[in-house]
Amino acid sequence: MPLSMIPPRFSLAGELYGHSFYGELKRVLKKRGVLFHYTGNPSLIKYGNSFVSGVKKRLYEVGFRKILQKRELMGLKAFA
């Protein structure tokens, strides 16, 4: 598979998953919009739950009001 078709991973694109990225997502969502953030299965990668915890923390810091971990979907649901 060409690299251009592979979704960015945290280990390869730390800036992508930073405050400014999440802030822009929050800015463009409608007032009661919902974001689903796929995180994969962090217990299978070296970052463990600290990856998910870091994402949750940044989402809260940019103003998402409620964040739920959806283990069965391997992601987070964040409410604007």
PDB file of N, CA and C in Angstrom:
ATOM      1  N   MET A   1       0.852  -1.174   0.000  1.00  0.00           N
ATOM      2  CA  MET A   1       0.000   0.000   0.000  1.00  0.00           C
ATOM      3  C   MET A   1       0.899   1.239   0.000  1.00  0.00           C
ATOM      4  N   PRO A   2       0.650   2.200  -0.892  1.00  0.00           N
ATOM      5  CA  PRO A   2       1.462   3.424  -0.903  1.00  0.00           C
ATOM      6  C   PRO A   2       1.290   4.213   0.393  1.00  0.00           C
ATOM      7  N   LEU A   3       2.354   4.881   0.811  1.00  0.00           N
ATOM      8  CA  LEU A   3       2.302   5.668   2.047  1.00  0.00           C
ATOM      9  C   LEU A   3       1.198   6.714   2.017  1.00  0.00           C
ATOM     10  N   SER A   4       0.883   7.259   0.857  1.00  0.00           N
ATOM     11  CA  SER A   4      -0.147   8.290   0.779  1.00  0.00           C
ATOM     12  C   SER A   4      -1.535   7.763   1.127  1.00  0.00           C
ATOM     13  N   MET A   5      -1.703   6.435   1.150  1.00  0.00           N
ATOM     14  CA  MET A   5      -3.006   5.850   1.457  1.00  0.00           C
ATOM     15  C   MET A   5      -3.121   5.409   2.910  1.00  0.00           C
ATOM     16  N   ILE A   6      -2.035   5.485   3.650  1.00  0.00           N
ATOM     17  CA  ILE A   6      -2.038   5.047   5.045  1.00  0.00           C
ATOM     18  C   ILE A   6      -2.444   6.228   5.924  1.00  0.00           C
ATOM     19  N   PRO A   7      -3.457   6.054   6.798  1.00  0.00           N
ATOM     20  CA  PRO A   7      -3.853   7.161   7.679  1.00  0.00           C
ATOM     21  C   PRO A   7      -2.697   7.545   8.597  1.00  0.00           C
ATOM     22  N   PRO A   8      -2.599   8.832   8.963  1.00  0.00           N
ATOM     23  CA  PRO A   8      -1.513   9.250   9.855  1.00  0.00           C
ATOM     24  C   PRO A   8      -1.629   8.567  11.211  1.00  0.00           C
ATOM     25  N   ARG A   9      -0.495   8.182  11.746  1.00  0.00           N
ATOM     26  CA  ARG A   9      -0.449   7.563  13.068  1.00  0.00           C
ATOM     27  C   ARG A   9       0.198   8.541  14.016  1.00  0.00           C
ATOM     28  N   PHE A  10      -0.160   8.441  15.287  1.00  0.00           N
ATOM     29  CA  PHE A  10       0.388   9.363  16.276  1.00  0.00           C
ATOM     30  C   PHE A  10       1.910   9.343  16.267  1.00  0.00           C
ATOM     31  N   SER A  11       2.503   8.161  16.143  1.00  0.00           N
ATOM     32  CA  SER A  11       3.961   8.059  16.180  1.00  0.00           C
ATOM     33  C   SER A  11       4.610   8.755  14.993  1.00  0.00           C
ATOM     34  N   LEU A  12       3.881   8.928  13.913  1.00  0.00           N
ATOM     35  CA  LEU A  12       4.421   9.554  12.708  1.00  0.00           C
ATOM     36  C   LEU A  12       3.967  10.993  12.535  1.00  0.00           C
ATOM     37  N   ALA A  13       2.939  11.410  13.256  1.00  0.00           N
ATOM     38  CA  ALA A  13       2.364  12.738  13.039  1.00  0.00           C
ATOM     39  C   ALA A  13       1.919  13.380  14.344  1.00  0.00           C
ATOM     40  N   GLY A  14       2.855  13.567  15.276  1.00  0.00           N
ATOM     41  CA  GLY A  14       2.512  14.151  16.567  1.00  0.00           C
ATOM     42  C   GLY A  14       1.868  15.506  16.469  1.00  0.00           C
ATOM     43  N   GLU A  15       2.310  16.332  15.534  1.00  0.00           N
ATOM     44  CA  GLU A  15       1.721  17.663  15.364  1.00  0.00           C
ATOM     45  C   GLU A  15       0.264  17.589  14.932  1.00  0.00           C
ATOM     46  N   LEU A  16      -0.061  16.589  14.129  1.00  0.00           N
ATOM     47  CA  LEU A  16      -1.435  16.457  13.649  1.00  0.00           C
ATOM     48  C   LEU A  16      -2.403  16.313  14.809  1.00  0.00           C
ATOM     49  N   TYR A  17      -2.012  15.585  15.829  1.00  0.00           N
ATOM     50  CA  TYR A  17      -2.897  15.330  16.957  1.00  0.00           C
ATOM     51  C   TYR A  17      -2.626  16.273  18.131  1.00  0.00           C
ATOM     52  N   GLY A  18      -2.234  17.499  17.832  1.00  0.00           N
ATOM     53  CA  GLY A  18      -1.950  18.500  18.862  1.00  0.00           C
ATOM     54  C   GLY A  18      -3.134  19.399  19.140  1.00  0.00           C
ATOM     55  N   HIS A  19      -2.920  20.360  20.041  1.00  0.00           N
ATOM     56  CA  HIS A  19      -3.969  21.294  20.453  1.00  0.00           C
ATOM     57  C   HIS A  19      -4.568  22.065  19.277  1.00  0.00           C
ATOM     58  N   SER A  20      -3.724  22.517  18.359  1.00  0.00           N
ATOM     59  CA  SER A  20      -4.259  23.340  17.264  1.00  0.00           C
ATOM     60  C   SER A  20      -5.197  22.530  16.374  1.00  0.00           C
ATOM     61  N   PHE A  21      -4.876  21.264  16.137  1.00  0.00           N
ATOM     62  CA  PHE A  21      -5.744  20.398  15.326  1.00  0.00           C
ATOM     63  C   PHE A  21      -7.087  20.197  16.014  1.00  0.00           C
ATOM     64  N   TYR A  22      -7.054  19.844  17.298  1.00  0.00           N
ATOM     65  CA  TYR A  22      -8.298  19.619  18.028  1.00  0.00           C
ATOM     66  C   TYR A  22      -9.092  20.915  18.179  1.00  0.00           C
ATOM     67  N   GLY A  23      -8.390  22.034  18.340  1.00  0.00           N
ATOM     68  CA  GLY A  23      -9.064  23.320  18.424  1.00  0.00           C
ATOM     69  C   GLY A  23      -9.818  23.642  17.144  1.00  0.00           C
ATOM     70  N   GLU A  24      -9.226  23.307  16.003  1.00  0.00           N
ATOM     71  CA  GLU A  24      -9.907  23.539  14.727  1.00  0.00           C
ATOM     72  C   GLU A  24     -11.121  22.629  14.578  1.00  0.00           C
ATOM     73  N   LEU A  25     -11.010  21.387  15.019  1.00  0.00           N
ATOM     74  CA  LEU A  25     -12.171  20.489  14.979  1.00  0.00           C
ATOM     75  C   LEU A  25     -13.308  21.059  15.812  1.00  0.00           C
ATOM     76  N   LYS A  26     -12.984  21.534  16.993  1.00  0.00           N
ATOM     77  CA  LYS A  26     -13.995  22.124  17.889  1.00  0.00           C
ATOM     78  C   LYS A  26     -14.613  23.360  17.244  1.00  0.00           C
ATOM     79  N   ARG A  27     -13.784  24.172  16.610  1.00  0.00           N
ATOM     80  CA  ARG A  27     -14.250  25.416  16.000  1.00  0.00           C
ATOM     81  C   ARG A  27     -15.244  25.160  14.866  1.00  0.00           C
ATOM     82  N   VAL A  28     -15.017  24.122  14.068  1.00  0.00           N
ATOM     83  CA  VAL A  28     -15.880  23.909  12.901  1.00  0.00           C
ATOM     84  C   VAL A  28     -17.111  23.052  13.195  1.00  0.00           C
ATOM     85  N   LEU A  29     -17.142  22.406  14.354  1.00  0.00           N
ATOM     86  CA  LEU A  29     -18.331  21.626  14.706  1.00  0.00           C
ATOM     87  C   LEU A  29     -19.477  22.545  15.102  1.00  0.00           C
ATOM     88  N   LYS A  30     -20.683  22.129  14.800  1.00  0.00           N
ATOM     89  CA  LYS A  30     -21.858  22.875  15.261  1.00  0.00           C
ATOM     90  C   LYS A  30     -21.884  22.873  16.781  1.00  0.00           C
ATOM     91  N   LYS A  31     -22.661  23.763  17.346  1.00  0.00           N
ATOM     92  CA  LYS A  31     -22.694  23.940  18.803  1.00  0.00           C
ATOM     93  C   LYS A  31     -22.893  22.627  19.554  1.00  0.00           C
ATOM     94  N   ARG A  32     -23.766  21.787  19.105  1.00  0.00           N
ATOM     95  CA  ARG A  32     -23.995  20.509  19.780  1.00  0.00           C
ATOM     96  C   ARG A  32     -23.477  19.343  18.943  1.00  0.00           C
ATOM     97  N   GLY A  33     -22.436  19.612  18.177  1.00  0.00           N
ATOM     98  CA  GLY A  33     -21.849  18.588  17.319  1.00  0.00           C
ATOM     99  C   GLY A  33     -21.146  17.500  18.109  1.00  0.00           C
ATOM    100  N   VAL A  34     -20.947  16.370  17.454  1.00  0.00           N
ATOM    101  CA  VAL A  34     -20.278  15.229  18.075  1.00  0.00           C
ATOM    102  C   VAL A  34     -19.132  14.786  17.169  1.00  0.00           C
ATOM    103  N   LEU A  35     -17.998  14.544  17.784  1.00  0.00           N
ATOM    104  CA  LEU A  35     -16.808  14.081  17.078  1.00  0.00           C
ATOM    105  C   LEU A  35     -16.526  12.645  17.485  1.00  0.00           C
ATOM    106  N   PHE A  36     -16.250  11.786  16.517  1.00  0.00           N
ATOM    107  CA  PHE A  36     -15.747  10.452  16.847  1.00  0.00           C
ATOM    108  C   PHE A  36     -14.292  10.421  16.436  1.00  0.00           C
ATOM    109  N   HIS A  37     -13.416  10.091  17.384  1.00  0.00           N
ATOM    110  CA  HIS A  37     -11.973  10.040  17.145  1.00  0.00           C
ATOM    111  C   HIS A  37     -11.534   8.582  17.270  1.00  0.00           C
ATOM    112  N   TYR A  38     -11.180   7.973  16.149  1.00  0.00           N
ATOM    113  CA  TYR A  38     -10.688   6.594  16.168  1.00  0.00           C
ATOM    114  C   TYR A  38      -9.287   6.600  16.757  1.00  0.00           C
ATOM    115  N   THR A  39      -9.064   5.758  17.758  1.00  0.00           N
ATOM    116  CA  THR A  39      -7.741   5.661  18.382  1.00  0.00           C
ATOM    117  C   THR A  39      -7.093   4.312  18.149  1.00  0.00           C
ATOM    118  N   GLY A  40      -7.832   3.365  17.634  1.00  0.00           N
ATOM    119  CA  GLY A  40      -7.299   2.012  17.511  1.00  0.00           C
ATOM    120  C   GLY A  40      -7.335   1.325  18.863  1.00  0.00           C
ATOM    121  N   ASN A  41      -6.634   0.239  18.968  1.00  0.00           N
ATOM    122  CA  ASN A  41      -6.586  -0.510  20.220  1.00  0.00           C
ATOM    123  C   ASN A  41      -5.266  -0.213  20.916  1.00  0.00           C
ATOM    124  N   PRO A  42      -5.253   0.782  21.821  1.00  0.00           N
ATOM    125  CA  PRO A  42      -3.987   1.211  22.412  1.00  0.00           C
ATOM    126  C   PRO A  42      -3.282   0.150  23.235  1.00  0.00           C
ATOM    127  N   SER A  43      -3.973  -0.878  23.663  1.00  0.00           N
ATOM    128  CA  SER A  43      -3.282  -1.920  24.431  1.00  0.00           C
ATOM    129  C   SER A  43      -2.375  -2.751  23.526  1.00  0.00           C
ATOM    130  N   LEU A  44      -2.556  -2.619  22.214  1.00  0.00           N
ATOM    131  CA  LEU A  44      -1.719  -3.358  21.275  1.00  0.00           C
ATOM    132  C   LEU A  44      -0.542  -2.552  20.749  1.00  0.00           C
ATOM    133  N   ILE A  45      -0.498  -1.257  21.076  1.00  0.00           N
ATOM    134  CA  ILE A  45       0.627  -0.444  20.640  1.00  0.00           C
ATOM    135  C   ILE A  45       1.418   0.023  21.843  1.00  0.00           C
ATOM    136  N   LYS A  46       2.626   0.464  21.614  1.00  0.00           N
ATOM    137  CA  LYS A  46       3.521   0.778  22.723  1.00  0.00           C
ATOM    138  C   LYS A  46       3.076   1.950  23.587  1.00  0.00           C
ATOM    139  N   TYR A  47       2.174   2.803  23.093  1.00  0.00           N
ATOM    140  CA  TYR A  47       1.748   3.963  23.866  1.00  0.00           C
ATOM    141  C   TYR A  47       0.769   3.605  24.971  1.00  0.00           C
ATOM    142  N   GLY A  48       0.129   2.456  24.892  1.00  0.00           N
ATOM    143  CA  GLY A  48      -0.825   2.048  25.918  1.00  0.00           C
ATOM    144  C   GLY A  48      -1.931   3.057  26.105  1.00  0.00           C
ATOM    145  N   ASN A  49      -2.518   3.060  27.283  1.00  0.00           N
ATOM    146  CA  ASN A  49      -3.631   3.965  27.553  1.00  0.00           C
ATOM    147  C   ASN A  49      -3.205   5.422  27.651  1.00  0.00           C
ATOM    148  N   SER A  50      -1.888   5.682  27.761  1.00  0.00           N
ATOM    149  CA  SER A  50      -1.446   7.076  27.828  1.00  0.00           C
ATOM    150  C   SER A  50      -1.793   7.805  26.532  1.00  0.00           C
ATOM    151  N   PHE A  51      -1.849   7.105  25.412  1.00  0.00           N
ATOM    152  CA  PHE A  51      -2.241   7.723  24.144  1.00  0.00           C
ATOM    153  C   PHE A  51      -3.681   8.218  24.233  1.00  0.00           C
ATOM    154  N   VAL A  52      -4.587   7.346  24.667  1.00  0.00           N
ATOM    155  CA  VAL A  52      -5.998   7.719  24.780  1.00  0.00           C
ATOM    156  C   VAL A  52      -6.170   8.807  25.833  1.00  0.00           C
ATOM    157  N   SER A  53      -5.477   8.683  26.949  1.00  0.00           N
ATOM    158  CA  SER A  53      -5.561   9.704  28.002  1.00  0.00           C
ATOM    159  C   SER A  53      -5.091  11.061  27.496  1.00  0.00           C
ATOM    160  N   GLY A  54      -4.033  11.064  26.711  1.00  0.00           N
ATOM    161  CA  GLY A  54      -3.522  12.309  26.143  1.00  0.00           C
ATOM    162  C   GLY A  54      -4.505  12.942  25.183  1.00  0.00           C
ATOM    163  N   VAL A  55      -5.134  12.127  24.356  1.00  0.00           N
ATOM    164  CA  VAL A  55      -6.140  12.637  23.417  1.00  0.00           C
ATOM    165  C   VAL A  55      -7.310  13.228  24.197  1.00  0.00           C
ATOM    166  N   LYS A  56      -7.801  12.502  25.206  1.00  0.00           N
ATOM    167  CA  LYS A  56      -8.917  13.003  26.018  1.00  0.00           C
ATOM    168  C   LYS A  56      -8.554  14.338  26.664  1.00  0.00           C
ATOM    169  N   LYS A  57      -7.352  14.419  27.208  1.00  0.00           N
ATOM    170  CA  LYS A  57      -6.907  15.640  27.870  1.00  0.00           C
ATOM    171  C   LYS A  57      -6.904  16.810  26.892  1.00  0.00           C
ATOM    172  N   ARG A  58      -6.356  16.623  25.703  1.00  0.00           N
ATOM    173  CA  ARG A  58      -6.312  17.705  24.724  1.00  0.00           C
ATOM    174  C   ARG A  58      -7.711  18.103  24.252  1.00  0.00           C
ATOM    175  N   LEU A  59      -8.602  17.133  24.099  1.00  0.00           N
ATOM    176  CA  LEU A  59      -9.973  17.456  23.703  1.00  0.00           C
ATOM    177  C   LEU A  59     -10.659  18.315  24.759  1.00  0.00           C
ATOM    178  N   TYR A  60     -10.471  17.961  26.034  1.00  0.00           N
ATOM    179  CA  TYR A  60     -11.034  18.782  27.114  1.00  0.00           C
ATOM    180  C   TYR A  60     -10.428  20.187  27.101  1.00  0.00           C
ATOM    181  N   GLU A  61      -9.127  20.251  26.916  1.00  0.00           N
ATOM    182  CA  GLU A  61      -8.432  21.543  26.970  1.00  0.00           C
ATOM    183  C   GLU A  61      -8.880  22.505  25.874  1.00  0.00           C
ATOM    184  N   VAL A  62      -9.323  21.978  24.739  1.00  0.00           N
ATOM    185  CA  VAL A  62      -9.780  22.879  23.666  1.00  0.00           C
ATOM    186  C   VAL A  62     -11.271  23.157  23.745  1.00  0.00           C
ATOM    187  N   GLY A  63     -11.967  22.561  24.735  1.00  0.00           N
ATOM    188  CA  GLY A  63     -13.352  22.939  24.965  1.00  0.00           C
ATOM    189  C   GLY A  63     -14.427  21.893  24.721  1.00  0.00           C
ATOM    190  N   PHE A  64     -14.054  20.665  24.380  1.00  0.00           N
ATOM    191  CA  PHE A  64     -15.095  19.642  24.291  1.00  0.00           C
ATOM    192  C   PHE A  64     -15.609  19.399  25.693  1.00  0.00           C
ATOM    193  N   ARG A  65     -16.936  19.320  25.857  1.00  0.00           N
ATOM    194  CA  ARG A  65     -17.528  19.314  27.196  1.00  0.00           C
ATOM    195  C   ARG A  65     -17.681  17.928  27.793  1.00  0.00           C
ATOM    196  N   LYS A  66     -17.756  16.902  26.971  1.00  0.00           N
ATOM    197  CA  LYS A  66     -17.944  15.545  27.468  1.00  0.00           C
ATOM    198  C   LYS A  66     -17.241  14.601  26.496  1.00  0.00           C
ATOM    199  N   ILE A  67     -16.469  13.663  27.049  1.00  0.00           N
ATOM    200  CA  ILE A  67     -15.726  12.731  26.207  1.00  0.00           C
ATOM    201  C   ILE A  67     -15.926  11.330  26.770  1.00  0.00           C
ATOM    202  N   LEU A  68     -16.396  10.439  25.924  1.00  0.00           N
ATOM    203  CA  LEU A  68     -16.652   9.056  26.323  1.00  0.00           C
ATOM    204  C   LEU A  68     -15.754   8.113  25.530  1.00  0.00           C
ATOM    205  N   GLN A  69     -15.151   7.160  26.227  1.00  0.00           N
ATOM    206  CA  GLN A  69     -14.367   6.152  25.527  1.00  0.00           C
ATOM    207  C   GLN A  69     -15.308   5.056  25.042  1.00  0.00           C
ATOM    208  N   LYS A  70     -15.231   4.731  23.780  1.00  0.00           N
ATOM    209  CA  LYS A  70     -16.048   3.685  23.167  1.00  0.00           C
ATOM    210  C   LYS A  70     -15.128   2.530  22.795  1.00  0.00           C
ATOM    211  N   ARG A  71     -14.891   1.651  23.757  1.00  0.00           N
ATOM    212  CA  ARG A  71     -13.936   0.555  23.547  1.00  0.00           C
ATOM    213  C   ARG A  71     -14.342  -0.359  22.398  1.00  0.00           C
ATOM    214  N   GLU A  72     -15.650  -0.611  22.269  1.00  0.00           N
ATOM    215  CA  GLU A  72     -16.111  -1.514  21.218  1.00  0.00           C
ATOM    216  C   GLU A  72     -15.879  -0.942  19.822  1.00  0.00           C
ATOM    217  N   LEU A  73     -15.743   0.389  19.732  1.00  0.00           N
ATOM    218  CA  LEU A  73     -15.466   1.054  18.459  1.00  0.00           C
ATOM    219  C   LEU A  73     -14.021   1.510  18.358  1.00  0.00           C
ATOM    220  N   MET A  74     -13.263   1.264  19.418  1.00  0.00           N
ATOM    221  CA  MET A  74     -11.851   1.651  19.501  1.00  0.00           C
ATOM    222  C   MET A  74     -11.657   3.144  19.261  1.00  0.00           C
ATOM    223  N   GLY A  75     -12.407   3.947  20.020  1.00  0.00           N
ATOM    224  CA  GLY A  75     -12.270   5.387  19.855  1.00  0.00           C
ATOM    225  C   GLY A  75     -12.923   6.179  20.960  1.00  0.00           C
ATOM    226  N   LEU A  76     -12.972   7.492  20.748  1.00  0.00           N
ATOM    227  CA  LEU A  76     -13.555   8.423  21.698  1.00  0.00           C
ATOM    228  C   LEU A  76     -14.685   9.187  21.026  1.00  0.00           C
ATOM    229  N   LYS A  77     -15.727   9.451  21.791  1.00  0.00           N
ATOM    230  CA  LYS A  77     -16.849  10.263  21.324  1.00  0.00           C
ATOM    231  C   LYS A  77     -16.795  11.550  22.142  1.00  0.00           C
ATOM    232  N   ALA A  78     -16.640  12.677  21.449  1.00  0.00           N
ATOM    233  CA  ALA A  78     -16.496  13.967  22.117  1.00  0.00           C
ATOM    234  C   ALA A  78     -17.624  14.902  21.709  1.00  0.00           C
ATOM    235  N   PHE A  79     -18.213  15.573  22.687  1.00  0.00           N
ATOM    236  CA  PHE A  79     -19.352  16.462  22.466  1.00  0.00           C
ATOM    237  C   PHE A  79     -18.903  17.915  22.535  1.00  0.00           C
ATOM    238  N   ALA A  80     -19.226  18.690  21.487  1.00  0.00           N
ATOM    239  CA  ALA A  80     -18.838  20.105  21.418  1.00  0.00           C
ATOM    240  C   ALA A  80     -19.724  20.943  22.326  1.00  0.00           C
TER     241      ALA A  80
END
